[in-house]
Amino acid sequence: MEVVRRLVDERPVVIFSKSSCCVSHSMKQLITSYGANPTVYELDEIPNGREVERGLQSMGCKPSVPAVFIGQKLVGGSNEVISLQVRGKLVPMLMEAGAIWVWNRTSSTA
């Protein structure tokens, strides 16, 4: 768990992913579509990926990817992120974390 905390520390948005995971790719696309620039760790490409994956699992991430942290807090996986989006809470959370500063609601429909 400590290795995960170190990777998340002082970053507004962190996504733990695997390069072959289409759901992880979708989460990265969703977050970046709001103008955020998440730090992405591909667990199958970093040297300590297995250790990080075990840390995520010990924090309750099952499956371990995608795992999204916003404002150093574990949001969860794709279900939790989509739920936040549907309820209109994802953008305010990104703004509070300093990941985005301005959001123009009409820009997503253009």
PDB file of N, CA and C in Angstrom:
ATOM      1  N   MET A   1       0.807  -1.195   0.000  1.00  0.00           N
ATOM      2  CA  MET A   1       0.000   0.000   0.000  1.00  0.00           C
ATOM      3  C   MET A   1       0.854   1.264   0.000  1.00  0.00           C
ATOM      4  N   GLU A   2       1.972   1.224   0.661  1.00  0.00           N
ATOM      5  CA  GLU A   2       2.851   2.396   0.737  1.00  0.00           C
ATOM      6  C   GLU A   2       3.382   2.785  -0.644  1.00  0.00           C
ATOM      7  N   VAL A   3       3.689   1.794  -1.464  1.00  0.00           N
ATOM      8  CA  VAL A   3       4.191   2.086  -2.810  1.00  0.00           C
ATOM      9  C   VAL A   3       3.121   2.820  -3.620  1.00  0.00           C
ATOM     10  N   VAL A   4       1.869   2.475  -3.440  1.00  0.00           N
ATOM     11  CA  VAL A   4       0.772   3.157  -4.135  1.00  0.00           C
ATOM     12  C   VAL A   4       0.665   4.595  -3.632  1.00  0.00           C
ATOM     13  N   ARG A   5       0.728   4.783  -2.331  1.00  0.00           N
ATOM     14  CA  ARG A   5       0.620   6.136  -1.764  1.00  0.00           C
ATOM     15  C   ARG A   5       1.728   7.051  -2.295  1.00  0.00           C
ATOM     16  N   ARG A   6       2.939   6.513  -2.414  1.00  0.00           N
ATOM     17  CA  ARG A   6       4.048   7.320  -2.930  1.00  0.00           C
ATOM     18  C   ARG A   6       3.807   7.742  -4.379  1.00  0.00           C
ATOM     19  N   LEU A   7       3.240   6.854  -5.179  1.00  0.00           N
ATOM     20  CA  LEU A   7       2.979   7.171  -6.585  1.00  0.00           C
ATOM     21  C   LEU A   7       1.839   8.178  -6.754  1.00  0.00           C
ATOM     22  N   VAL A   8       0.907   8.187  -5.819  1.00  0.00           N
ATOM     23  CA  VAL A   8      -0.270   9.057  -5.891  1.00  0.00           C
ATOM     24  C   VAL A   8       0.003  10.421  -5.260  1.00  0.00           C
ATOM     25  N   ASP A   9       0.942  10.484  -4.327  1.00  0.00           N
ATOM     26  CA  ASP A   9       1.201  11.687  -3.550  1.00  0.00           C
ATOM     27  C   ASP A   9       1.430  12.912  -4.428  1.00  0.00           C
ATOM     28  N   GLU A  10       0.712  13.986  -4.125  1.00  0.00           N
ATOM     29  CA  GLU A  10       0.867  15.299  -4.748  1.00  0.00           C
ATOM     30  C   GLU A  10       0.552  15.330  -6.244  1.00  0.00           C
ATOM     31  N   ARG A  11      -0.255  14.398  -6.718  1.00  0.00           N
ATOM     32  CA  ARG A  11      -0.700  14.412  -8.107  1.00  0.00           C
ATOM     33  C   ARG A  11      -2.221  14.512  -8.109  1.00  0.00           C
ATOM     34  N   PRO A  12      -2.779  15.417  -8.927  1.00  0.00           N
ATOM     35  CA  PRO A  12      -4.230  15.604  -8.894  1.00  0.00           C
ATOM     36  C   PRO A  12      -5.014  14.379  -9.365  1.00  0.00           C
ATOM     37  N   VAL A  13      -4.542  13.706 -10.423  1.00  0.00           N
ATOM     38  CA  VAL A  13      -5.240  12.528 -10.931  1.00  0.00           C
ATOM     39  C   VAL A  13      -4.214  11.468 -11.303  1.00  0.00           C
ATOM     40  N   VAL A  14      -4.425  10.265 -10.793  1.00  0.00           N
ATOM     41  CA  VAL A  14      -3.567   9.128 -11.121  1.00  0.00           C
ATOM     42  C   VAL A  14      -4.458   7.973 -11.547  1.00  0.00           C
ATOM     43  N   ILE A  15      -4.059   7.337 -12.649  1.00  0.00           N
ATOM     44  CA  ILE A  15      -4.766   6.157 -13.127  1.00  0.00           C
ATOM     45  C   ILE A  15      -3.778   5.013 -13.212  1.00  0.00           C
ATOM     46  N   PHE A  16      -4.098   3.924 -12.518  1.00  0.00           N
ATOM     47  CA  PHE A  16      -3.319   2.698 -12.648  1.00  0.00           C
ATOM     48  C   PHE A  16      -4.026   1.847 -13.694  1.00  0.00           C
ATOM     49  N   SER A  17      -3.253   1.377 -14.646  1.00  0.00           N
ATOM     50  CA  SER A  17      -3.811   0.752 -15.833  1.00  0.00           C
ATOM     51  C   SER A  17      -2.939  -0.419 -16.263  1.00  0.00           C
ATOM     52  N   LYS A  18      -3.414  -1.134 -17.263  1.00  0.00           N
ATOM     53  CA  LYS A  18      -2.593  -2.087 -18.002  1.00  0.00           C
ATOM     54  C   LYS A  18      -2.772  -1.751 -19.472  1.00  0.00           C
ATOM     55  N   SER A  19      -1.686  -1.806 -20.216  1.00  0.00           N
ATOM     56  CA  SER A  19      -1.713  -1.339 -21.598  1.00  0.00           C
ATOM     57  C   SER A  19      -2.702  -2.105 -22.468  1.00  0.00           C
ATOM     58  N   SER A  20      -3.041  -3.328 -22.104  1.00  0.00           N
ATOM     59  CA  SER A  20      -3.952  -4.139 -22.911  1.00  0.00           C
ATOM     60  C   SER A  20      -5.405  -4.060 -22.441  1.00  0.00           C
ATOM     61  N   CYS A  21      -5.682  -3.259 -21.433  1.00  0.00           N
ATOM     62  CA  CYS A  21      -7.031  -3.195 -20.846  1.00  0.00           C
ATOM     63  C   CYS A  21      -7.854  -2.096 -21.510  1.00  0.00           C
ATOM     64  N   CYS A  22      -8.900  -2.514 -22.233  1.00  0.00           N
ATOM     65  CA  CYS A  22      -9.731  -1.526 -22.940  1.00  0.00           C
ATOM     66  C   CYS A  22     -10.538  -0.659 -21.970  1.00  0.00           C
ATOM     67  N   VAL A  23     -10.900  -1.186 -20.810  1.00  0.00           N
ATOM     68  CA  VAL A  23     -11.640  -0.391 -19.825  1.00  0.00           C
ATOM     69  C   VAL A  23     -10.722   0.697 -19.254  1.00  0.00           C
ATOM     70  N   SER A  24      -9.470   0.352 -19.006  1.00  0.00           N
ATOM     71  CA  SER A  24      -8.510   1.348 -18.541  1.00  0.00           C
ATOM     72  C   SER A  24      -8.344   2.452 -19.578  1.00  0.00           C
ATOM     73  N   HIS A  25      -8.267   2.056 -20.835  1.00  0.00           N
ATOM     74  CA  HIS A  25      -8.142   3.027 -21.924  1.00  0.00           C
ATOM     75  C   HIS A  25      -9.345   3.979 -21.919  1.00  0.00           C
ATOM     76  N   SER A  26     -10.533   3.428 -21.719  1.00  0.00           N
ATOM     77  CA  SER A  26     -11.742   4.253 -21.682  1.00  0.00           C
ATOM     78  C   SER A  26     -11.711   5.249 -20.524  1.00  0.00           C
ATOM     79  N   MET A  27     -11.204   4.826 -19.376  1.00  0.00           N
ATOM     80  CA  MET A  27     -11.120   5.736 -18.231  1.00  0.00           C
ATOM     81  C   MET A  27     -10.126   6.870 -18.516  1.00  0.00           C
ATOM     82  N   LYS A  28      -9.010   6.535 -19.149  1.00  0.00           N
ATOM     83  CA  LYS A  28      -8.031   7.567 -19.510  1.00  0.00           C
ATOM     84  C   LYS A  28      -8.653   8.562 -20.485  1.00  0.00           C
ATOM     85  N   GLN A  29      -9.392   8.056 -21.464  1.00  0.00           N
ATOM     86  CA  GLN A  29     -10.049   8.921 -22.448  1.00  0.00           C
ATOM     87  C   GLN A  29     -11.069   9.830 -21.778  1.00  0.00           C
ATOM     88  N   LEU A  30     -11.864   9.273 -20.882  1.00  0.00           N
ATOM     89  CA  LEU A  30     -12.887  10.057 -20.191  1.00  0.00           C
ATOM     90  C   LEU A  30     -12.253  11.192 -19.389  1.00  0.00           C
ATOM     91  N   ILE A  31     -11.267  10.877 -18.584  1.00  0.00           N
ATOM     92  CA  ILE A  31     -10.623  11.888 -17.730  1.00  0.00           C
ATOM     93  C   ILE A  31      -9.957  12.967 -18.585  1.00  0.00           C
ATOM     94  N   THR A  32      -9.260  12.579 -19.637  1.00  0.00           N
ATOM     95  CA  THR A  32      -8.587  13.568 -20.481  1.00  0.00           C
ATOM     96  C   THR A  32      -9.586  14.388 -21.297  1.00  0.00           C
ATOM     97  N   SER A  33     -10.771  13.848 -21.556  1.00  0.00           N
ATOM     98  CA  SER A  33     -11.772  14.607 -22.319  1.00  0.00           C
ATOM     99  C   SER A  33     -12.222  15.854 -21.576  1.00  0.00           C
ATOM    100  N   TYR A  34     -12.037  15.901 -20.275  1.00  0.00           N
ATOM    101  CA  TYR A  34     -12.374  17.082 -19.476  1.00  0.00           C
ATOM    102  C   TYR A  34     -11.208  18.064 -19.381  1.00  0.00           C
ATOM    103  N   GLY A  35     -10.089  17.724 -19.995  1.00  0.00           N
ATOM    104  CA  GLY A  35      -8.930  18.608 -19.978  1.00  0.00           C
ATOM    105  C   GLY A  35      -7.910  18.273 -18.915  1.00  0.00           C
ATOM    106  N   ALA A  36      -8.148  17.224 -18.162  1.00  0.00           N
ATOM    107  CA  ALA A  36      -7.182  16.809 -17.133  1.00  0.00           C
ATOM    108  C   ALA A  36      -6.027  16.063 -17.793  1.00  0.00           C
ATOM    109  N   ASN A  37      -4.899  16.108 -17.157  1.00  0.00           N
ATOM    110  CA  ASN A  37      -3.710  15.405 -17.638  1.00  0.00           C
ATOM    111  C   ASN A  37      -3.282  14.415 -16.556  1.00  0.00           C
ATOM    112  N   PRO A  38      -3.919  13.234 -16.526  1.00  0.00           N
ATOM    113  CA  PRO A  38      -3.628  12.302 -15.446  1.00  0.00           C
ATOM    114  C   PRO A  38      -2.236  11.694 -15.550  1.00  0.00           C
ATOM    115  N   THR A  39      -1.681  11.378 -14.407  1.00  0.00           N
ATOM    116  CA  THR A  39      -0.474  10.560 -14.370  1.00  0.00           C
ATOM    117  C   THR A  39      -0.944   9.120 -14.524  1.00  0.00           C
ATOM    118  N   VAL A  40      -0.391   8.420 -15.505  1.00  0.00           N
ATOM    119  CA  VAL A  40      -0.825   7.057 -15.791  1.00  0.00           C
ATOM    120  C   VAL A  40       0.339   6.106 -15.553  1.00  0.00           C
ATOM    121  N   TYR A  41       0.070   5.068 -14.777  1.00  0.00           N
ATOM    122  CA  TYR A  41       1.047   4.015 -14.548  1.00  0.00           C
ATOM    123  C   TYR A  41       0.518   2.735 -15.181  1.00  0.00           C
ATOM    124  N   GLU A  42       1.214   2.254 -16.195  1.00  0.00           N
ATOM    125  CA  GLU A  42       0.856   0.995 -16.841  1.00  0.00           C
ATOM    126  C   GLU A  42       1.549  -0.124 -16.057  1.00  0.00           C
ATOM    127  N   LEU A  43       0.782  -0.884 -15.299  1.00  0.00           N
ATOM    128  CA  LEU A  43       1.370  -1.873 -14.392  1.00  0.00           C
ATOM    129  C   LEU A  43       2.130  -2.971 -15.116  1.00  0.00           C
ATOM    130  N   ASP A  44       1.781  -3.224 -16.375  1.00  0.00           N
ATOM    131  CA  ASP A  44       2.499  -4.248 -17.132  1.00  0.00           C
ATOM    132  C   ASP A  44       3.754  -3.697 -17.804  1.00  0.00           C
ATOM    133  N   GLU A  45       4.051  -2.413 -17.576  1.00  0.00           N
ATOM    134  CA  GLU A  45       5.223  -1.799 -18.197  1.00  0.00           C
ATOM    135  C   GLU A  45       6.219  -1.213 -17.198  1.00  0.00           C
ATOM    136  N   ILE A  46       5.826  -1.095 -15.930  1.00  0.00           N
ATOM    137  CA  ILE A  46       6.752  -0.534 -14.941  1.00  0.00           C
ATOM    138  C   ILE A  46       7.405  -1.679 -14.163  1.00  0.00           C
ATOM    139  N   PRO A  47       8.646  -1.476 -13.727  1.00  0.00           N
ATOM    140  CA  PRO A  47       9.388  -2.560 -13.063  1.00  0.00           C
ATOM    141  C   PRO A  47       8.713  -3.128 -11.817  1.00  0.00           C
ATOM    142  N   ASN A  48       8.075  -2.293 -11.013  1.00  0.00           N
ATOM    143  CA  ASN A  48       7.442  -2.766  -9.778  1.00  0.00           C
ATOM    144  C   ASN A  48       5.924  -2.934  -9.946  1.00  0.00           C
ATOM    145  N   GLY A  49       5.486  -3.215 -11.154  1.00  0.00           N
ATOM    146  CA  GLY A  49       4.066  -3.324 -11.456  1.00  0.00           C
ATOM    147  C   GLY A  49       3.323  -4.349 -10.616  1.00  0.00           C
ATOM    148  N   ARG A  50       3.933  -5.500 -10.388  1.00  0.00           N
ATOM    149  CA  ARG A  50       3.269  -6.535  -9.568  1.00  0.00           C
ATOM    150  C   ARG A  50       3.110  -6.075  -8.120  1.00  0.00           C
ATOM    151  N   GLU A  51       4.112  -5.396  -7.608  1.00  0.00           N
ATOM    152  CA  GLU A  51       4.039  -4.879  -6.234  1.00  0.00           C
ATOM    153  C   GLU A  51       2.931  -3.829  -6.118  1.00  0.00           C
ATOM    154  N   VAL A  52       2.845  -2.938  -7.104  1.00  0.00           N
ATOM    155  CA  VAL A  52       1.803  -1.919  -7.121  1.00  0.00           C
ATOM    156  C   VAL A  52       0.433  -2.582  -7.215  1.00  0.00           C
ATOM    157  N   GLU A  53       0.315  -3.599  -8.065  1.00  0.00           N
ATOM    158  CA  GLU A  53      -0.961  -4.301  -8.218  1.00  0.00           C
ATOM    159  C   GLU A  53      -1.398  -4.942  -6.901  1.00  0.00           C
ATOM    160  N   ARG A  54      -0.472  -5.558  -6.185  1.00  0.00           N
ATOM    161  CA  ARG A  54      -0.801  -6.134  -4.871  1.00  0.00           C
ATOM    162  C   ARG A  54      -1.248  -5.048  -3.893  1.00  0.00           C
ATOM    163  N   GLY A  55      -0.590  -3.883  -3.955  1.00  0.00           N
ATOM    164  CA  GLY A  55      -0.980  -2.770  -3.099  1.00  0.00           C
ATOM    165  C   GLY A  55      -2.388  -2.289  -3.406  1.00  0.00           C
ATOM    166  N   LEU A  56      -2.726  -2.197  -4.684  1.00  0.00           N
ATOM    167  CA  LEU A  56      -4.075  -1.786  -5.086  1.00  0.00           C
ATOM    168  C   LEU A  56      -5.112  -2.797  -4.616  1.00  0.00           C
ATOM    169  N   GLN A  57      -4.791  -4.071  -4.750  1.00  0.00           N
ATOM    170  CA  GLN A  57      -5.713  -5.114  -4.298  1.00  0.00           C
ATOM    171  C   GLN A  57      -5.923  -5.045  -2.793  1.00  0.00           C
ATOM    172  N   SER A  58      -4.860  -4.744  -2.053  1.00  0.00           N
ATOM    173  CA  SER A  58      -4.996  -4.645  -0.596  1.00  0.00           C
ATOM    174  C   SER A  58      -5.829  -3.426  -0.194  1.00  0.00           C
ATOM    175  N   MET A  59      -5.949  -2.462  -1.102  1.00  0.00           N
ATOM    176  CA  MET A  59      -6.782  -1.278  -0.842  1.00  0.00           C
ATOM    177  C   MET A  59      -8.231  -1.519  -1.263  1.00  0.00           C
ATOM    178  N   GLY A  60      -8.513  -2.697  -1.813  1.00  0.00           N
ATOM    179  CA  GLY A  60      -9.880  -3.035  -2.192  1.00  0.00           C
ATOM    180  C   GLY A  60     -10.178  -2.965  -3.670  1.00  0.00           C
ATOM    181  N   CYS A  61      -9.179  -2.720  -4.494  1.00  0.00           N
ATOM    182  CA  CYS A  61      -9.389  -2.657  -5.945  1.00  0.00           C
ATOM    183  C   CYS A  61      -9.429  -4.069  -6.515  1.00  0.00           C
ATOM    184  N   LYS A  62     -10.598  -4.504  -6.879  1.00  0.00           N
ATOM    185  CA  LYS A  62     -10.754  -5.827  -7.472  1.00  0.00           C
ATOM    186  C   LYS A  62     -11.745  -5.713  -8.608  1.00  0.00           C
ATOM    187  N   PRO A  63     -11.331  -5.774  -9.855  1.00  0.00           N
ATOM    188  CA  PRO A  63      -9.962  -6.014 -10.317  1.00  0.00           C
ATOM    189  C   PRO A  63      -9.064  -4.815 -10.008  1.00  0.00           C
ATOM    190  N   SER A  64      -7.774  -5.048 -10.155  1.00  0.00           N
ATOM    191  CA  SER A  64      -6.810  -4.024  -9.752  1.00  0.00           C
ATOM    192  C   SER A  64      -6.764  -2.839 -10.710  1.00  0.00           C
ATOM    193  N   VAL A  65      -7.164  -3.027 -11.961  1.00  0.00           N
ATOM    194  CA  VAL A  65      -7.175  -1.921 -12.924  1.00  0.00           C
ATOM    195  C   VAL A  65      -8.503  -1.883 -13.655  1.00  0.00           C
ATOM    196  N   PRO A  66      -8.947  -0.716 -14.059  1.00  0.00           N
ATOM    197  CA  PRO A  66      -8.339   0.568 -13.746  1.00  0.00           C
ATOM    198  C   PRO A  66      -8.608   0.964 -12.292  1.00  0.00           C
ATOM    199  N   ALA A  67      -7.657   1.662 -11.724  1.00  0.00           N
ATOM    200  CA  ALA A  67      -7.818   2.228 -10.384  1.00  0.00           C
ATOM    201  C   ALA A  67      -7.554   3.722 -10.517  1.00  0.00           C
ATOM    202  N   VAL A  68      -8.534   4.525 -10.152  1.00  0.00           N
ATOM    203  CA  VAL A  68      -8.455   5.968 -10.349  1.00  0.00           C
ATOM    204  C   VAL A  68      -8.402   6.669  -8.998  1.00  0.00           C
ATOM    205  N   PHE A  69      -7.412   7.549  -8.867  1.00  0.00           N
ATOM    206  CA  PHE A  69      -7.268   8.390  -7.685  1.00  0.00           C
ATOM    207  C   PHE A  69      -7.454   9.833  -8.130  1.00  0.00           C
ATOM    208  N   ILE A  70      -8.290  10.563  -7.432  1.00  0.00           N
ATOM    209  CA  ILE A  70      -8.481  11.985  -7.696  1.00  0.00           C
ATOM    210  C   ILE A  70      -8.271  12.714  -6.378  1.00  0.00           C
ATOM    211  N   GLY A  71      -7.353  13.681  -6.399  1.00  0.00           N
ATOM    212  CA  GLY A  71      -7.037  14.404  -5.170  1.00  0.00           C
ATOM    213  C   GLY A  71      -6.455  13.489  -4.112  1.00  0.00           C
ATOM    214  N   GLN A  72      -5.619  12.555  -4.516  1.00  0.00           N
ATOM    215  CA  GLN A  72      -4.962  11.572  -3.640  1.00  0.00           C
ATOM    216  C   GLN A  72      -5.926  10.612  -2.964  1.00  0.00           C
ATOM    217  N   LYS A  73      -7.182  10.612  -3.366  1.00  0.00           N
ATOM    218  CA  LYS A  73      -8.164   9.692  -2.784  1.00  0.00           C
ATOM    219  C   LYS A  73      -8.562   8.646  -3.813  1.00  0.00           C
ATOM    220  N   LEU A  74      -8.663   7.416  -3.372  1.00  0.00           N
ATOM    221  CA  LEU A  74      -9.101   6.345  -4.247  1.00  0.00           C
ATOM    222  C   LEU A  74     -10.570   6.533  -4.578  1.00  0.00           C
ATOM    223  N   VAL A  75     -10.849   6.752  -5.858  1.00  0.00           N
ATOM    224  CA  VAL A  75     -12.232   6.844  -6.326  1.00  0.00           C
ATOM    225  C   VAL A  75     -12.748   5.434  -6.576  1.00  0.00           C
ATOM    226  N   GLY A  76     -11.908   4.600  -7.175  1.00  0.00           N
ATOM    227  CA  GLY A  76     -12.288   3.231  -7.484  1.00  0.00           C
ATOM    228  C   GLY A  76     -11.993   2.892  -8.923  1.00  0.00           C
ATOM    229  N   GLY A  77     -12.780   1.981  -9.447  1.00  0.00           N
ATOM    230  CA  GLY A  77     -12.615   1.539 -10.818  1.00  0.00           C
ATOM    231  C   GLY A  77     -13.593   2.220 -11.755  1.00  0.00           C
ATOM    232  N   SER A  78     -13.816   1.578 -12.886  1.00  0.00           N
ATOM    233  CA  SER A  78     -14.655   2.180 -13.925  1.00  0.00           C
ATOM    234  C   SER A  78     -16.092   2.414 -13.463  1.00  0.00           C
ATOM    235  N   ASN A  79     -16.672   1.489 -12.710  1.00  0.00           N
ATOM    236  CA  ASN A  79     -18.059   1.669 -12.252  1.00  0.00           C
ATOM    237  C   ASN A  79     -18.200   2.930 -11.409  1.00  0.00           C
ATOM    238  N   GLU A  80     -17.265   3.141 -10.516  1.00  0.00           N
ATOM    239  CA  GLU A  80     -17.334   4.304  -9.633  1.00  0.00           C
ATOM    240  C   GLU A  80     -17.130   5.605 -10.413  1.00  0.00           C
ATOM    241  N   VAL A  81     -16.190   5.596 -11.362  1.00  0.00           N
ATOM    242  CA  VAL A  81     -15.928   6.803 -12.153  1.00  0.00           C
ATOM    243  C   VAL A  81     -17.131   7.144 -13.022  1.00  0.00           C
ATOM    244  N   ILE A  82     -17.705   6.150 -13.681  1.00  0.00           N
ATOM    245  CA  ILE A  82     -18.887   6.383 -14.523  1.00  0.00           C
ATOM    246  C   ILE A  82     -20.054   6.861 -13.669  1.00  0.00           C
ATOM    247  N   SER A  83     -20.203   6.301 -12.494  1.00  0.00           N
ATOM    248  CA  SER A  83     -21.264   6.742 -11.586  1.00  0.00           C
ATOM    249  C   SER A  83     -21.098   8.216 -11.223  1.00  0.00           C
ATOM    250  N   LEU A  84     -19.872   8.629 -10.937  1.00  0.00           N
ATOM    251  CA  LEU A  84     -19.610  10.041 -10.649  1.00  0.00           C
ATOM    252  C   LEU A  84     -19.963  10.915 -11.843  1.00  0.00           C
ATOM    253  N   GLN A  85     -19.613  10.459 -13.029  1.00  0.00           N
ATOM    254  CA  GLN A  85     -19.903  11.232 -14.232  1.00  0.00           C
ATOM    255  C   GLN A  85     -21.414  11.379 -14.429  1.00  0.00           C
ATOM    256  N   VAL A  86     -22.147  10.281 -14.311  1.00  0.00           N
ATOM    257  CA  VAL A  86     -23.592  10.302 -14.517  1.00  0.00           C
ATOM    258  C   VAL A  86     -24.278  11.221 -13.511  1.00  0.00           C
ATOM    259  N   ARG A  87     -23.783  11.225 -12.273  1.00  0.00           N
ATOM    260  CA  ARG A  87     -24.379  12.067 -11.228  1.00  0.00           C
ATOM    261  C   ARG A  87     -23.887  13.516 -11.261  1.00  0.00           C
ATOM    262  N   GLY A  88     -23.010  13.825 -12.235  1.00  0.00           N
ATOM    263  CA  GLY A  88     -22.502  15.190 -12.349  1.00  0.00           C
ATOM    264  C   GLY A  88     -21.478  15.559 -11.306  1.00  0.00           C
ATOM    265  N   LYS A  89     -20.824  14.581 -10.714  1.00  0.00           N
ATOM    266  CA  LYS A  89     -19.868  14.851  -9.638  1.00  0.00           C
ATOM    267  C   LYS A  89     -18.409  14.705 -10.057  1.00  0.00           C
ATOM    268  N   LEU A  90     -18.157  14.181 -11.257  1.00  0.00           N
ATOM    269  CA  LEU A  90     -16.776  13.967 -11.688  1.00  0.00           C
ATOM    270  C   LEU A  90     -16.059  15.292 -11.929  1.00  0.00           C
ATOM    271  N   VAL A  91     -16.678  16.195 -12.675  1.00  0.00           N
ATOM    272  CA  VAL A  91     -16.039  17.479 -12.983  1.00  0.00           C
ATOM    273  C   VAL A  91     -15.761  18.276 -11.708  1.00  0.00           C
ATOM    274  N   PRO A  92     -16.724  18.423 -10.793  1.00  0.00           N
ATOM    275  CA  PRO A  92     -16.397  19.145  -9.554  1.00  0.00           C
ATOM    276  C   PRO A  92     -15.240  18.502  -8.776  1.00  0.00           C
ATOM    277  N   MET A  93     -15.180  17.188  -8.804  1.00  0.00           N
ATOM    278  CA  MET A  93     -14.101  16.497  -8.102  1.00  0.00           C
ATOM    279  C   MET A  93     -12.756  16.797  -8.771  1.00  0.00           C
ATOM    280  N   LEU A  94     -12.728  16.803 -10.100  1.00  0.00           N
ATOM    281  CA  LEU A  94     -11.499  17.139 -10.835  1.00  0.00           C
ATOM    282  C   LEU A  94     -11.086  18.582 -10.570  1.00  0.00           C
ATOM    283  N   MET A  95     -12.066  19.461 -10.492  1.00  0.00           N
ATOM    284  CA  MET A  95     -11.765  20.875 -10.208  1.00  0.00           C
ATOM    285  C   MET A  95     -11.224  21.046  -8.790  1.00  0.00           C
ATOM    286  N   GLU A  96     -11.848  20.383  -7.834  1.00  0.00           N
ATOM    287  CA  GLU A  96     -11.397  20.485  -6.440  1.00  0.00           C
ATOM    288  C   GLU A  96      -9.974  19.966  -6.270  1.00  0.00           C
ATOM    289  N   ALA A  97      -9.614  18.946  -7.053  1.00  0.00           N
ATOM    290  CA  ALA A  97      -8.267  18.372  -6.973  1.00  0.00           C
ATOM    291  C   ALA A  97      -7.232  19.217  -7.707  1.00  0.00           C
ATOM    292  N   GLY A  98      -7.692  20.214  -8.466  1.00  0.00           N
ATOM    293  CA  GLY A  98      -6.759  21.045  -9.235  1.00  0.00           C
ATOM    294  C   GLY A  98      -6.351  20.417 -10.550  1.00  0.00           C
ATOM    295  N   ALA A  99      -7.093  19.413 -11.006  1.00  0.00           N
ATOM    296  CA  ALA A  99      -6.781  18.751 -12.276  1.00  0.00           C
ATOM    297  C   ALA A  99      -7.281  19.561 -13.466  1.00  0.00           C
ATOM    298  N   ILE A 100      -8.371  20.283 -13.253  1.00  0.00           N
ATOM    299  CA  ILE A 100      -8.884  21.218 -14.257  1.00  0.00           C
ATOM    300  C   ILE A 100      -9.311  22.480 -13.518  1.00  0.00           C
ATOM    301  N   TRP A 101      -9.322  23.597 -14.227  1.00  0.00           N
ATOM    302  CA  TRP A 101      -9.680  24.856 -13.582  1.00  0.00           C
ATOM    303  C   TRP A 101     -11.017  25.391 -14.066  1.00  0.00           C
ATOM    304  N   VAL A 102     -11.302  25.168 -15.319  1.00  0.00           N
ATOM    305  CA  VAL A 102     -12.516  25.704 -15.918  1.00  0.00           C
ATOM    306  C   VAL A 102     -13.186  24.609 -16.714  1.00  0.00           C
ATOM    307  N   TRP A 103     -14.490  24.554 -16.649  1.00  0.00           N
ATOM    308  CA  TRP A 103     -15.223  23.578 -17.462  1.00  0.00           C
ATOM    309  C   TRP A 103     -16.394  24.290 -18.090  1.00  0.00           C
ATOM    310  N   ASN A 104     -16.442  24.243 -19.415  1.00  0.00           N
ATOM    311  CA  ASN A 104     -17.550  24.826 -20.153  1.00  0.00           C
ATOM    312  C   ASN A 104     -18.455  23.672 -20.578  1.00  0.00           C
ATOM    313  N   ARG A 105     -19.589  23.585 -19.979  1.00  0.00           N
ATOM    314  CA  ARG A 105     -20.516  22.469 -20.207  1.00  0.00           C
ATOM    315  C   ARG A 105     -20.834  22.294 -21.689  1.00  0.00           C
ATOM    316  N   THR A 106     -20.894  23.366 -22.444  1.00  0.00           N
ATOM    317  CA  THR A 106     -21.248  23.261 -23.858  1.00  0.00           C
ATOM    318  C   THR A 106     -20.121  22.695 -24.711  1.00  0.00           C
ATOM    319  N   SER A 107     -18.891  22.703 -24.214  1.00  0.00           N
ATOM    320  CA  SER A 107     -17.774  22.207 -25.019  1.00  0.00           C
ATOM    321  C   SER A 107     -17.850  20.703 -25.229  1.00  0.00           C
ATOM    322  N   SER A 108     -18.552  19.970 -24.383  1.00  0.00           N
ATOM    323  CA  SER A 108     -18.636  18.521 -24.548  1.00  0.00           C
ATOM    324  C   SER A 108     -19.641  18.124 -25.619  1.00  0.00           C
ATOM    325  N   THR A 109     -20.517  19.028 -26.006  1.00  0.00           N
ATOM    326  CA  THR A 109     -21.516  18.704 -27.018  1.00  0.00           C
ATOM    327  C   THR A 109     -21.154  19.246 -28.388  1.00  0.00           C
ATOM    328  N   ALA A 110     -20.110  20.017 -28.459  1.00  0.00           N
ATOM    329  CA  ALA A 110     -19.723  20.631 -29.742  1.00  0.00           C
ATOM    330  C   ALA A 110     -19.037  19.620 -30.638  1.00  0.00           C
TER     331      ALA A 110
END
